[in-house]
């Protein structure tokens, strides 16, 4: 075997082994698909005029129904689990089915949209499209969602009330697909809770983003190795902003690991997960403390980093946990 053949042989063997492993896991380990749920309390700047916090937001992404063993029945079980947790708001951040059309795809899309429609009849629900919807026909997805009465957003803002909460929901087009267009908040959102939805987290870095942004797309790598993490993720977002919570002085971004799979029908080190994010009011803490590496103010306030994140600790007055990423 000459050198060029050796160069091609090794990656082919690795890919082959991964495919075999994926088949075994899909057939045996995931024969009864389990969804894990993460819970996080996310402090957001509230201001004196913002009402309605805490607000419980169920975040779901990358369902990929029709790939691996994720099918409409599994999606229904997932939604039953979500509804049982009684969220105030449900947001879905794209990639609902495979990106390639073919026999039966229209039926699959209809099954996915119908289940999202049924959920939205119970709990306020907002969705954006992902790169897989854009690849398989964005307009067909828009039409299906709108005909079903589902709130689907692309580069637009909706002003609404959710219970006692006054909320603005902004949906930005998928950056990865080239459908992103910046839309600013209208003046009517000044004293409201601001929530942005987009698929690729890279869209959160085009400009400073007020409020909290929810994204998906990365699957947190889908396959993560100990001490190494994900080998590759399809985004230009900063590495530290591709899984979980990322926060800097311009943005608060939460990237969900997602539920389904793409390319390979397995997850390793990045569980199939949906998230219950409770938006809570942030106490009055100066912005410079949020971005400090470590600071102590006469034993009353400290900001500390650890291997798994950053937290603000208010001694004598409780604490706020703000994990950055894992």
C-alpha atoms as a PDB file:
ATOM      1  CA  UNK A   1       0.000   0.000   0.000  1.00  0.00           C
ATOM      2  CA  UNK A   2       1.546   3.300  -1.057  1.00  0.00           C
ATOM      3  CA  UNK A   3       1.462   6.478   1.018  1.00  0.00           C
ATOM      4  CA  UNK A   4      -1.587   8.128  -0.642  1.00  0.00           C
ATOM      5  CA  UNK A   5      -3.543   4.905  -0.160  1.00  0.00           C
ATOM      6  CA  UNK A   6      -2.501   4.779   3.501  1.00  0.00           C
ATOM      7  CA  UNK A   7      -3.645   8.388   3.918  1.00  0.00           C
ATOM      8  CA  UNK A   8      -7.109   7.482   2.632  1.00  0.00           C
ATOM      9  CA  UNK A   9      -7.285   4.096   4.343  1.00  0.00           C
ATOM     10  CA  UNK A  10      -7.049   5.281   7.954  1.00  0.00           C
ATOM     11  CA  UNK A  11      -9.937   7.813   7.811  1.00  0.00           C
ATOM     12  CA  UNK A  12     -12.045   5.247   5.954  1.00  0.00           C
ATOM     13  CA  UNK A  13     -11.461   2.675   8.691  1.00  0.00           C
ATOM     14  CA  UNK A  14     -12.318   5.197  11.410  1.00  0.00           C
ATOM     15  CA  UNK A  15     -15.516   6.257   9.637  1.00  0.00           C
ATOM     16  CA  UNK A  16     -16.450   2.624   9.087  1.00  0.00           C
ATOM     17  CA  UNK A  17     -15.969   1.786  12.747  1.00  0.00           C
ATOM     18  CA  UNK A  18     -18.058   4.792  13.785  1.00  0.00           C
ATOM     19  CA  UNK A  19     -20.853   3.724  11.455  1.00  0.00           C
ATOM     20  CA  UNK A  20     -20.812   0.209  12.886  1.00  0.00           C
ATOM     21  CA  UNK A  21     -20.798   1.573  16.431  1.00  0.00           C
ATOM     22  CA  UNK A  22     -23.630   3.918  15.520  1.00  0.00           C
ATOM     23  CA  UNK A  23     -25.697   1.049  14.188  1.00  0.00           C
ATOM     24  CA  UNK A  24     -25.131  -1.004  17.325  1.00  0.00           C
ATOM     25  CA  UNK A  25     -26.062   1.877  19.610  1.00  0.00           C
ATOM     26  CA  UNK A  26     -29.092   2.793  17.550  1.00  0.00           C
ATOM     27  CA  UNK A  27     -30.337  -0.793  17.534  1.00  0.00           C
ATOM     28  CA  UNK A  28     -29.584  -1.724  21.140  1.00  0.00           C
ATOM     29  CA  UNK A  29     -28.816   1.198  23.430  1.00  0.00           C
ATOM     30  CA  UNK A  30     -31.407   3.542  21.936  1.00  0.00           C
ATOM     31  CA  UNK A  31     -34.103   0.975  21.253  1.00  0.00           C
ATOM     32  CA  UNK A  32     -36.134   2.849  23.872  1.00  0.00           C
ATOM     33  CA  UNK A  33     -35.152   6.447  23.180  1.00  0.00           C
ATOM     34  CA  UNK A  34     -34.657   8.419  26.386  1.00  0.00           C
ATOM     35  CA  UNK A  35     -34.666  12.200  26.586  1.00  0.00           C
ATOM     36  CA  UNK A  36     -32.832  13.903  29.402  1.00  0.00           C
ATOM     37  CA  UNK A  37     -33.851  17.305  30.687  1.00  0.00           C
ATOM     38  CA  UNK A  38     -31.531  19.952  32.029  1.00  0.00           C
ATOM     39  CA  UNK A  39     -32.726  22.666  34.391  1.00  0.00           C
ATOM     40  CA  UNK A  40     -31.114  26.047  34.732  1.00  0.00           C
ATOM     41  CA  UNK A  41     -32.075  29.307  36.412  1.00  0.00           C
ATOM     42  CA  UNK A  42     -30.887  32.097  34.155  1.00  0.00           C
ATOM     43  CA  UNK A  43     -30.673  35.593  35.669  1.00  0.00           C
ATOM     44  CA  UNK A  44     -31.628  38.307  33.200  1.00  0.00           C
ATOM     45  CA  UNK A  45     -31.505  42.060  33.586  1.00  0.00           C
ATOM     46  CA  UNK A  46     -35.057  42.976  34.434  1.00  0.00           C
ATOM     47  CA  UNK A  47     -35.236  46.655  35.246  1.00  0.00           C
ATOM     48  CA  UNK A  48     -37.919  48.090  37.460  1.00  0.00           C
ATOM     49  CA  UNK A  49     -40.666  48.040  34.815  1.00  0.00           C
ATOM     50  CA  UNK A  50     -40.283  44.449  33.600  1.00  0.00           C
ATOM     51  CA  UNK A  51     -42.951  42.124  34.974  1.00  0.00           C
ATOM     52  CA  UNK A  52     -43.619  38.418  34.743  1.00  0.00           C
ATOM     53  CA  UNK A  53     -40.416  36.863  36.062  1.00  0.00           C
ATOM     54  CA  UNK A  54     -39.743  34.061  36.732  1.00  0.00           C
ATOM     55  CA  UNK A  55     -40.648  32.719  33.283  1.00  0.00           C
ATOM     56  CA  UNK A  56     -40.202  29.007  32.543  1.00  0.00           C
ATOM     57  CA  UNK A  57     -39.050  28.412  28.963  1.00  0.00           C
ATOM     58  CA  UNK A  58     -38.805  24.919  27.444  1.00  0.00           C
ATOM     59  CA  UNK A  59     -36.060  24.949  24.804  1.00  0.00           C
ATOM     60  CA  UNK A  60     -35.992  22.224  22.146  1.00  0.00           C
ATOM     61  CA  UNK A  61     -33.866  21.919  19.049  1.00  0.00           C
ATOM     62  CA  UNK A  62     -32.541  19.606  16.371  1.00  0.00           C
ATOM     63  CA  UNK A  63     -35.334  17.057  16.571  1.00  0.00           C
ATOM     64  CA  UNK A  64     -34.303  15.435  13.259  1.00  0.00           C
ATOM     65  CA  UNK A  65     -37.471  13.359  13.097  1.00  0.00           C
ATOM     66  CA  UNK A  66     -36.988  10.662  10.479  1.00  0.00           C
ATOM     67  CA  UNK A  67     -33.287  10.125  11.160  1.00  0.00           C
ATOM     68  CA  UNK A  68     -32.066   7.216  13.267  1.00  0.00           C
ATOM     69  CA  UNK A  69     -34.894   6.031  15.495  1.00  0.00           C
ATOM     70  CA  UNK A  70     -36.376   9.495  16.107  1.00  0.00           C
ATOM     71  CA  UNK A  71     -39.855   9.149  14.606  1.00  0.00           C
ATOM     72  CA  UNK A  72     -43.217  10.938  15.065  1.00  0.00           C
ATOM     73  CA  UNK A  73     -44.156   8.627  17.946  1.00  0.00           C
ATOM     74  CA  UNK A  74     -40.909   9.454  19.762  1.00  0.00           C
ATOM     75  CA  UNK A  75     -41.610  13.142  19.137  1.00  0.00           C
ATOM     76  CA  UNK A  76     -45.039  12.746  20.718  1.00  0.00           C
ATOM     77  CA  UNK A  77     -43.495  11.127  23.795  1.00  0.00           C
ATOM     78  CA  UNK A  78     -41.042  14.006  24.015  1.00  0.00           C
ATOM     79  CA  UNK A  79     -43.801  16.605  23.845  1.00  0.00           C
ATOM     80  CA  UNK A  80     -45.841  14.722  26.449  1.00  0.00           C
ATOM     81  CA  UNK A  81     -42.827  14.961  28.764  1.00  0.00           C
ATOM     82  CA  UNK A  82     -42.410  18.671  28.067  1.00  0.00           C
ATOM     83  CA  UNK A  83     -46.074  19.490  28.687  1.00  0.00           C
ATOM     84  CA  UNK A  84     -45.992  17.532  31.954  1.00  0.00           C
ATOM     85  CA  UNK A  85     -43.354  19.990  33.218  1.00  0.00           C
ATOM     86  CA  UNK A  86     -45.834  22.869  32.690  1.00  0.00           C
ATOM     87  CA  UNK A  87     -43.597  25.481  30.994  1.00  0.00           C
ATOM     88  CA  UNK A  88     -44.881  29.013  30.430  1.00  0.00           C
ATOM     89  CA  UNK A  89     -43.383  29.109  26.944  1.00  0.00           C
ATOM     90  CA  UNK A  90     -42.005  26.570  24.450  1.00  0.00           C
ATOM     91  CA  UNK A  91     -39.410  27.538  21.849  1.00  0.00           C
ATOM     92  CA  UNK A  92     -38.091  25.333  19.047  1.00  0.00           C
ATOM     93  CA  UNK A  93     -34.877  26.392  17.347  1.00  0.00           C
ATOM     94  CA  UNK A  94     -34.866  24.434  14.100  1.00  0.00           C
ATOM     95  CA  UNK A  95     -33.914  21.211  12.302  1.00  0.00           C
ATOM     96  CA  UNK A  96     -37.132  19.258  12.644  1.00  0.00           C
ATOM     97  CA  UNK A  97     -36.600  16.608   9.940  1.00  0.00           C
ATOM     98  CA  UNK A  98     -33.941  15.393   7.494  1.00  0.00           C
ATOM     99  CA  UNK A  99     -32.767  17.931   4.941  1.00  0.00           C
ATOM    100  CA  UNK A 100     -33.219  15.719   1.885  1.00  0.00           C
ATOM    101  CA  UNK A 101     -36.670  15.304   0.367  1.00  0.00           C
ATOM    102  CA  UNK A 102     -37.997  12.104  -1.147  1.00  0.00           C
ATOM    103  CA  UNK A 103     -40.886   9.687  -1.013  1.00  0.00           C
ATOM    104  CA  UNK A 104     -42.905  10.268   2.112  1.00  0.00           C
ATOM    105  CA  UNK A 105     -41.223  13.550   3.079  1.00  0.00           C
ATOM    106  CA  UNK A 106     -44.412  15.626   2.766  1.00  0.00           C
ATOM    107  CA  UNK A 107     -46.140  13.165   5.076  1.00  0.00           C
ATOM    108  CA  UNK A 108     -43.252  13.351   7.561  1.00  0.00           C
ATOM    109  CA  UNK A 109     -43.320  17.152   7.542  1.00  0.00           C
ATOM    110  CA  UNK A 110     -47.064  17.103   8.103  1.00  0.00           C
ATOM    111  CA  UNK A 111     -46.677  14.704  11.048  1.00  0.00           C
ATOM    112  CA  UNK A 112     -44.028  16.934  12.652  1.00  0.00           C
ATOM    113  CA  UNK A 113     -46.034  20.128  12.154  1.00  0.00           C
ATOM    114  CA  UNK A 114     -49.217  18.529  13.502  1.00  0.00           C
ATOM    115  CA  UNK A 115     -47.490  17.537  16.728  1.00  0.00           C
ATOM    116  CA  UNK A 116     -46.027  21.010  17.153  1.00  0.00           C
ATOM    117  CA  UNK A 117     -49.493  22.446  16.434  1.00  0.00           C
ATOM    118  CA  UNK A 118     -51.017  20.286  19.177  1.00  0.00           C
ATOM    119  CA  UNK A 119     -48.390  21.464  21.662  1.00  0.00           C
ATOM    120  CA  UNK A 120     -48.907  25.114  20.705  1.00  0.00           C
ATOM    121  CA  UNK A 121     -52.622  24.728  21.451  1.00  0.00           C
ATOM    122  CA  UNK A 122     -51.685  23.951  25.060  1.00  0.00           C
ATOM    123  CA  UNK A 123     -48.717  26.282  25.655  1.00  0.00           C
ATOM    124  CA  UNK A 124     -47.531  29.418  23.798  1.00  0.00           C
ATOM    125  CA  UNK A 125     -45.004  28.143  21.258  1.00  0.00           C
ATOM    126  CA  UNK A 126     -42.613  29.864  18.848  1.00  0.00           C
ATOM    127  CA  UNK A 127     -40.414  28.247  16.217  1.00  0.00           C
ATOM    128  CA  UNK A 128     -37.658  29.205  13.784  1.00  0.00           C
ATOM    129  CA  UNK A 129     -36.301  27.205  10.868  1.00  0.00           C
ATOM    130  CA  UNK A 130     -32.928  25.478  10.784  1.00  0.00           C
ATOM    131  CA  UNK A 131     -30.575  24.686   7.939  1.00  0.00           C
ATOM    132  CA  UNK A 132     -32.344  21.367   7.288  1.00  0.00           C
ATOM    133  CA  UNK A 133     -35.686  23.109   6.686  1.00  0.00           C
ATOM    134  CA  UNK A 134     -33.990  25.633   4.434  1.00  0.00           C
ATOM    135  CA  UNK A 135     -32.361  22.787   2.508  1.00  0.00           C
ATOM    136  CA  UNK A 136     -35.594  20.827   2.087  1.00  0.00           C
ATOM    137  CA  UNK A 137     -37.758  23.820   1.151  1.00  0.00           C
ATOM    138  CA  UNK A 138     -38.154  26.736   3.541  1.00  0.00           C
ATOM    139  CA  UNK A 139     -41.348  28.062   1.973  1.00  0.00           C
ATOM    140  CA  UNK A 140     -43.057  24.686   2.279  1.00  0.00           C
ATOM    141  CA  UNK A 141     -42.189  24.643   5.990  1.00  0.00           C
ATOM    142  CA  UNK A 142     -43.394  28.234   6.454  1.00  0.00           C
ATOM    143  CA  UNK A 143     -46.668  27.399   4.705  1.00  0.00           C
ATOM    144  CA  UNK A 144     -47.180  24.242   6.764  1.00  0.00           C
ATOM    145  CA  UNK A 145     -46.563  26.006  10.078  1.00  0.00           C
ATOM    146  CA  UNK A 146     -48.728  29.005   9.214  1.00  0.00           C
ATOM    147  CA  UNK A 147     -51.607  26.873   7.931  1.00  0.00           C
ATOM    148  CA  UNK A 148     -51.445  24.970  11.227  1.00  0.00           C
ATOM    149  CA  UNK A 149     -51.532  28.211  13.222  1.00  0.00           C
ATOM    150  CA  UNK A 150     -48.006  27.797  14.627  1.00  0.00           C
ATOM    151  CA  UNK A 151     -46.005  30.963  15.349  1.00  0.00           C
ATOM    152  CA  UNK A 152     -43.036  30.672  12.961  1.00  0.00           C
ATOM    153  CA  UNK A 153     -40.630  33.613  12.848  1.00  0.00           C
ATOM    154  CA  UNK A 154     -37.867  34.703  10.507  1.00  0.00           C
ATOM    155  CA  UNK A 155     -36.220  38.098  10.928  1.00  0.00           C
ATOM    156  CA  UNK A 156     -39.200  39.526  12.777  1.00  0.00           C
ATOM    157  CA  UNK A 157     -40.419  40.399  16.273  1.00  0.00           C
ATOM    158  CA  UNK A 158     -43.688  39.509  17.982  1.00  0.00           C
ATOM    159  CA  UNK A 159     -44.904  41.535  20.970  1.00  0.00           C
ATOM    160  CA  UNK A 160     -47.065  39.431  23.251  1.00  0.00           C
ATOM    161  CA  UNK A 161     -48.159  38.678  26.794  1.00  0.00           C
ATOM    162  CA  UNK A 162     -47.612  35.260  28.371  1.00  0.00           C
ATOM    163  CA  UNK A 163     -49.598  35.197  31.565  1.00  0.00           C
ATOM    164  CA  UNK A 164     -48.366  38.153  33.597  1.00  0.00           C
ATOM    165  CA  UNK A 165     -45.179  38.395  31.535  1.00  0.00           C
ATOM    166  CA  UNK A 166     -44.821  41.097  28.909  1.00  0.00           C
ATOM    167  CA  UNK A 167     -42.600  39.504  26.286  1.00  0.00           C
ATOM    168  CA  UNK A 168     -40.986  40.260  22.945  1.00  0.00           C
ATOM    169  CA  UNK A 169     -39.956  37.221  20.900  1.00  0.00           C
ATOM    170  CA  UNK A 170     -37.568  37.781  18.005  1.00  0.00           C
ATOM    171  CA  UNK A 171     -36.843  35.097  15.429  1.00  0.00           C
ATOM    172  CA  UNK A 172     -33.701  35.546  13.337  1.00  0.00           C
ATOM    173  CA  UNK A 173     -33.074  33.526  10.177  1.00  0.00           C
ATOM    174  CA  UNK A 174     -30.448  30.808  10.231  1.00  0.00           C
ATOM    175  CA  UNK A 175     -26.960  32.255   9.804  1.00  0.00           C
ATOM    176  CA  UNK A 176     -25.556  28.956   8.520  1.00  0.00           C
ATOM    177  CA  UNK A 177     -28.106  28.914   5.674  1.00  0.00           C
ATOM    178  CA  UNK A 178     -27.567  32.546   4.709  1.00  0.00           C
ATOM    179  CA  UNK A 179     -31.092  33.580   5.740  1.00  0.00           C
ATOM    180  CA  UNK A 180     -30.008  35.752   8.683  1.00  0.00           C
ATOM    181  CA  UNK A 181     -31.030  39.408   8.581  1.00  0.00           C
ATOM    182  CA  UNK A 182     -30.583  41.642  11.592  1.00  0.00           C
ATOM    183  CA  UNK A 183     -33.809  43.028  13.051  1.00  0.00           C
ATOM    184  CA  UNK A 184     -33.648  45.388  16.007  1.00  0.00           C
ATOM    185  CA  UNK A 185     -36.080  45.540  18.883  1.00  0.00           C
ATOM    186  CA  UNK A 186     -38.913  48.058  18.434  1.00  0.00           C
ATOM    187  CA  UNK A 187     -39.373  50.745  21.070  1.00  0.00           C
ATOM    188  CA  UNK A 188     -42.407  48.876  22.396  1.00  0.00           C
ATOM    189  CA  UNK A 189     -40.041  46.165  23.697  1.00  0.00           C
ATOM    190  CA  UNK A 190     -38.073  48.497  25.968  1.00  0.00           C
ATOM    191  CA  UNK A 191     -39.755  47.383  29.188  1.00  0.00           C
ATOM    192  CA  UNK A 192     -40.463  43.792  28.130  1.00  0.00           C
ATOM    193  CA  UNK A 193     -38.637  40.483  28.531  1.00  0.00           C
ATOM    194  CA  UNK A 194     -36.619  40.022  25.333  1.00  0.00           C
ATOM    195  CA  UNK A 195     -36.118  36.535  23.898  1.00  0.00           C
ATOM    196  CA  UNK A 196     -34.317  35.881  20.614  1.00  0.00           C
ATOM    197  CA  UNK A 197     -34.503  32.588  18.720  1.00  0.00           C
ATOM    198  CA  UNK A 198     -32.108  31.519  15.988  1.00  0.00           C
ATOM    199  CA  UNK A 199     -30.689  28.228  14.780  1.00  0.00           C
ATOM    200  CA  UNK A 200     -26.937  28.710  14.349  1.00  0.00           C
ATOM    201  CA  UNK A 201     -25.420  30.426  17.425  1.00  0.00           C
ATOM    202  CA  UNK A 202     -23.154  32.398  15.073  1.00  0.00           C
ATOM    203  CA  UNK A 203     -26.143  34.671  14.516  1.00  0.00           C
ATOM    204  CA  UNK A 204     -25.843  35.902  18.102  1.00  0.00           C
ATOM    205  CA  UNK A 205     -22.437  37.420  17.314  1.00  0.00           C
ATOM    206  CA  UNK A 206     -23.367  39.639  14.385  1.00  0.00           C
ATOM    207  CA  UNK A 207     -24.208  42.514  16.730  1.00  0.00           C
ATOM    208  CA  UNK A 208     -24.658  42.981  20.465  1.00  0.00           C
ATOM    209  CA  UNK A 209     -27.898  41.229  21.367  1.00  0.00           C
ATOM    210  CA  UNK A 210     -30.122  42.528  24.135  1.00  0.00           C
ATOM    211  CA  UNK A 211     -32.008  39.972  26.174  1.00  0.00           C
ATOM    212  CA  UNK A 212     -31.419  36.229  26.040  1.00  0.00           C
ATOM    213  CA  UNK A 213     -30.841  34.226  22.843  1.00  0.00           C
ATOM    214  CA  UNK A 214     -31.656  30.540  22.388  1.00  0.00           C
ATOM    215  CA  UNK A 215     -29.966  28.535  19.630  1.00  0.00           C
ATOM    216  CA  UNK A 216     -29.147  24.967  18.637  1.00  0.00           C
ATOM    217  CA  UNK A 217     -27.508  23.550  15.484  1.00  0.00           C
ATOM    218  CA  UNK A 218     -24.284  22.262  17.047  1.00  0.00           C
ATOM    219  CA  UNK A 219     -25.690  19.214  18.908  1.00  0.00           C
ATOM    220  CA  UNK A 220     -22.905  20.144  21.379  1.00  0.00           C
ATOM    221  CA  UNK A 221     -20.739  18.215  18.925  1.00  0.00           C
ATOM    222  CA  UNK A 222     -23.001  15.108  19.060  1.00  0.00           C
ATOM    223  CA  UNK A 223     -19.831  13.065  19.643  1.00  0.00           C
ATOM    224  CA  UNK A 224     -17.578  14.398  22.409  1.00  0.00           C
ATOM    225  CA  UNK A 225     -14.432  12.706  23.649  1.00  0.00           C
ATOM    226  CA  UNK A 226     -13.013  12.961  27.195  1.00  0.00           C
ATOM    227  CA  UNK A 227     -10.423  15.752  27.579  1.00  0.00           C
ATOM    228  CA  UNK A 228     -10.900  16.698  23.905  1.00  0.00           C
ATOM    229  CA  UNK A 229     -14.552  17.573  23.513  1.00  0.00           C
ATOM    230  CA  UNK A 230     -16.150  17.815  20.094  1.00  0.00           C
ATOM    231  CA  UNK A 231     -13.830  17.435  17.138  1.00  0.00           C
ATOM    232  CA  UNK A 232     -15.941  19.653  14.881  1.00  0.00           C
ATOM    233  CA  UNK A 233     -19.104  21.728  14.938  1.00  0.00           C
ATOM    234  CA  UNK A 234     -20.663  23.423  11.879  1.00  0.00           C
ATOM    235  CA  UNK A 235     -20.601  27.006  13.116  1.00  0.00           C
ATOM    236  CA  UNK A 236     -18.394  30.068  13.159  1.00  0.00           C
ATOM    237  CA  UNK A 237     -19.528  30.959  16.677  1.00  0.00           C
ATOM    238  CA  UNK A 238     -16.705  31.071  19.244  1.00  0.00           C
ATOM    239  CA  UNK A 239     -15.891  27.621  20.574  1.00  0.00           C
ATOM    240  CA  UNK A 240     -16.947  28.563  24.095  1.00  0.00           C
ATOM    241  CA  UNK A 241     -20.373  29.593  22.747  1.00  0.00           C
ATOM    242  CA  UNK A 242     -21.337  26.312  21.081  1.00  0.00           C
ATOM    243  CA  UNK A 243     -22.834  24.343  23.975  1.00  0.00           C
ATOM    244  CA  UNK A 244     -24.763  25.448  27.030  1.00  0.00           C
ATOM    245  CA  UNK A 245     -24.665  28.938  28.470  1.00  0.00           C
ATOM    246  CA  UNK A 246     -22.364  31.672  27.229  1.00  0.00           C
ATOM    247  CA  UNK A 247     -22.372  35.181  28.601  1.00  0.00           C
ATOM    248  CA  UNK A 248     -20.388  38.334  27.892  1.00  0.00           C
ATOM    249  CA  UNK A 249     -21.054  42.045  28.199  1.00  0.00           C
ATOM    250  CA  UNK A 250     -23.035  42.108  24.926  1.00  0.00           C
ATOM    251  CA  UNK A 251     -25.095  38.929  25.004  1.00  0.00           C
ATOM    252  CA  UNK A 252     -26.575  36.032  26.951  1.00  0.00           C
ATOM    253  CA  UNK A 253     -26.720  32.926  24.761  1.00  0.00           C
ATOM    254  CA  UNK A 254     -27.987  29.445  25.542  1.00  0.00           C
ATOM    255  CA  UNK A 255     -27.212  26.677  23.023  1.00  0.00           C
ATOM    256  CA  UNK A 256     -29.224  23.498  23.507  1.00  0.00           C
ATOM    257  CA  UNK A 257     -27.604  20.127  22.848  1.00  0.00           C
ATOM    258  CA  UNK A 258     -30.697  19.077  20.941  1.00  0.00           C
ATOM    259  CA  UNK A 259     -32.659  15.862  20.769  1.00  0.00           C
ATOM    260  CA  UNK A 260     -31.956  14.016  17.525  1.00  0.00           C
ATOM    261  CA  UNK A 261     -28.960  13.090  15.418  1.00  0.00           C
ATOM    262  CA  UNK A 262     -27.625  13.849  11.963  1.00  0.00           C
ATOM    263  CA  UNK A 263     -25.120  12.030   9.736  1.00  0.00           C
ATOM    264  CA  UNK A 264     -24.364   9.330  12.342  1.00  0.00           C
ATOM    265  CA  UNK A 265     -27.276   7.849  14.333  1.00  0.00           C
ATOM    266  CA  UNK A 266     -25.565   8.144  17.707  1.00  0.00           C
ATOM    267  CA  UNK A 267     -24.622  10.529  20.459  1.00  0.00           C
ATOM    268  CA  UNK A 268     -21.568  10.128  22.626  1.00  0.00           C
ATOM    269  CA  UNK A 269     -20.845  12.534  25.472  1.00  0.00           C
ATOM    270  CA  UNK A 270     -23.618  14.863  24.272  1.00  0.00           C
ATOM    271  CA  UNK A 271     -26.912  13.367  25.487  1.00  0.00           C
ATOM    272  CA  UNK A 272     -30.244  13.817  23.769  1.00  0.00           C
ATOM    273  CA  UNK A 273     -31.488  16.759  25.805  1.00  0.00           C
ATOM    274  CA  UNK A 274     -34.123  19.420  26.061  1.00  0.00           C
ATOM    275  CA  UNK A 275     -33.828  22.290  28.520  1.00  0.00           C
ATOM    276  CA  UNK A 276     -36.087  23.966  31.046  1.00  0.00           C
ATOM    277  CA  UNK A 277     -34.653  27.444  31.399  1.00  0.00           C
ATOM    278  CA  UNK A 278     -36.224  29.603  34.086  1.00  0.00           C
ATOM    279  CA  UNK A 279     -35.626  33.291  33.482  1.00  0.00           C
ATOM    280  CA  UNK A 280     -35.288  35.005  36.840  1.00  0.00           C
ATOM    281  CA  UNK A 281     -34.675  38.612  37.789  1.00  0.00           C
ATOM    282  CA  UNK A 282     -31.040  39.510  38.273  1.00  0.00           C
ATOM    283  CA  UNK A 283     -30.178  41.434  41.441  1.00  0.00           C
ATOM    284  CA  UNK A 284     -28.462  44.744  40.927  1.00  0.00           C
ATOM    285  CA  UNK A 285     -24.884  43.654  40.198  1.00  0.00           C
ATOM    286  CA  UNK A 286     -22.580  45.993  38.231  1.00  0.00           C
ATOM    287  CA  UNK A 287     -21.827  44.789  34.685  1.00  0.00           C
ATOM    288  CA  UNK A 288     -18.086  44.885  35.350  1.00  0.00           C
ATOM    289  CA  UNK A 289     -18.528  42.157  37.952  1.00  0.00           C
ATOM    290  CA  UNK A 290     -20.109  39.849  35.373  1.00  0.00           C
ATOM    291  CA  UNK A 291     -16.977  40.038  33.244  1.00  0.00           C
ATOM    292  CA  UNK A 292     -14.319  40.056  35.944  1.00  0.00           C
ATOM    293  CA  UNK A 293     -12.011  37.076  36.341  1.00  0.00           C
ATOM    294  CA  UNK A 294     -12.049  37.369  40.108  1.00  0.00           C
ATOM    295  CA  UNK A 295     -12.969  40.252  42.340  1.00  0.00           C
ATOM    296  CA  UNK A 296     -13.874  40.654  45.972  1.00  0.00           C
ATOM    297  CA  UNK A 297     -15.535  43.712  47.443  1.00  0.00           C
ATOM    298  CA  UNK A 298     -14.783  43.648  51.157  1.00  0.00           C
ATOM    299  CA  UNK A 299     -16.066  40.086  51.404  1.00  0.00           C
ATOM    300  CA  UNK A 300     -19.527  40.922  50.104  1.00  0.00           C
ATOM    301  CA  UNK A 301     -19.331  40.126  46.389  1.00  0.00           C
ATOM    302  CA  UNK A 302     -17.028  37.846  44.462  1.00  0.00           C
ATOM    303  CA  UNK A 303     -16.874  36.607  40.902  1.00  0.00           C
ATOM    304  CA  UNK A 304     -15.038  33.339  40.482  1.00  0.00           C
ATOM    305  CA  UNK A 305     -14.139  30.975  37.653  1.00  0.00           C
ATOM    306  CA  UNK A 306     -13.967  27.201  37.793  1.00  0.00           C
ATOM    307  CA  UNK A 307     -13.305  24.487  35.249  1.00  0.00           C
ATOM    308  CA  UNK A 308     -17.011  24.244  34.493  1.00  0.00           C
ATOM    309  CA  UNK A 309     -18.067  27.869  34.609  1.00  0.00           C
ATOM    310  CA  UNK A 310     -18.337  31.182  36.377  1.00  0.00           C
ATOM    311  CA  UNK A 311     -20.523  32.247  39.204  1.00  0.00           C
ATOM    312  CA  UNK A 312     -21.320  35.388  41.096  1.00  0.00           C
ATOM    313  CA  UNK A 313     -21.555  34.860  44.810  1.00  0.00           C
ATOM    314  CA  UNK A 314     -23.236  37.433  47.014  1.00  0.00           C
ATOM    315  CA  UNK A 315     -22.061  36.618  50.513  1.00  0.00           C
ATOM    316  CA  UNK A 316     -24.791  36.987  53.065  1.00  0.00           C
ATOM    317  CA  UNK A 317     -27.367  37.425  50.325  1.00  0.00           C
ATOM    318  CA  UNK A 318     -27.518  34.127  48.507  1.00  0.00           C
ATOM    319  CA  UNK A 319     -25.819  33.435  45.211  1.00  0.00           C
ATOM    320  CA  UNK A 320     -26.383  33.445  41.464  1.00  0.00           C
ATOM    321  CA  UNK A 321     -24.943  30.558  39.477  1.00  0.00           C
ATOM    322  CA  UNK A 322     -23.949  31.529  35.942  1.00  0.00           C
ATOM    323  CA  UNK A 323     -22.265  28.575  34.261  1.00  0.00           C
ATOM    324  CA  UNK A 324     -20.558  29.520  31.020  1.00  0.00           C
ATOM    325  CA  UNK A 325     -20.065  26.234  29.180  1.00  0.00           C
ATOM    326  CA  UNK A 326     -19.419  22.551  29.565  1.00  0.00           C
END
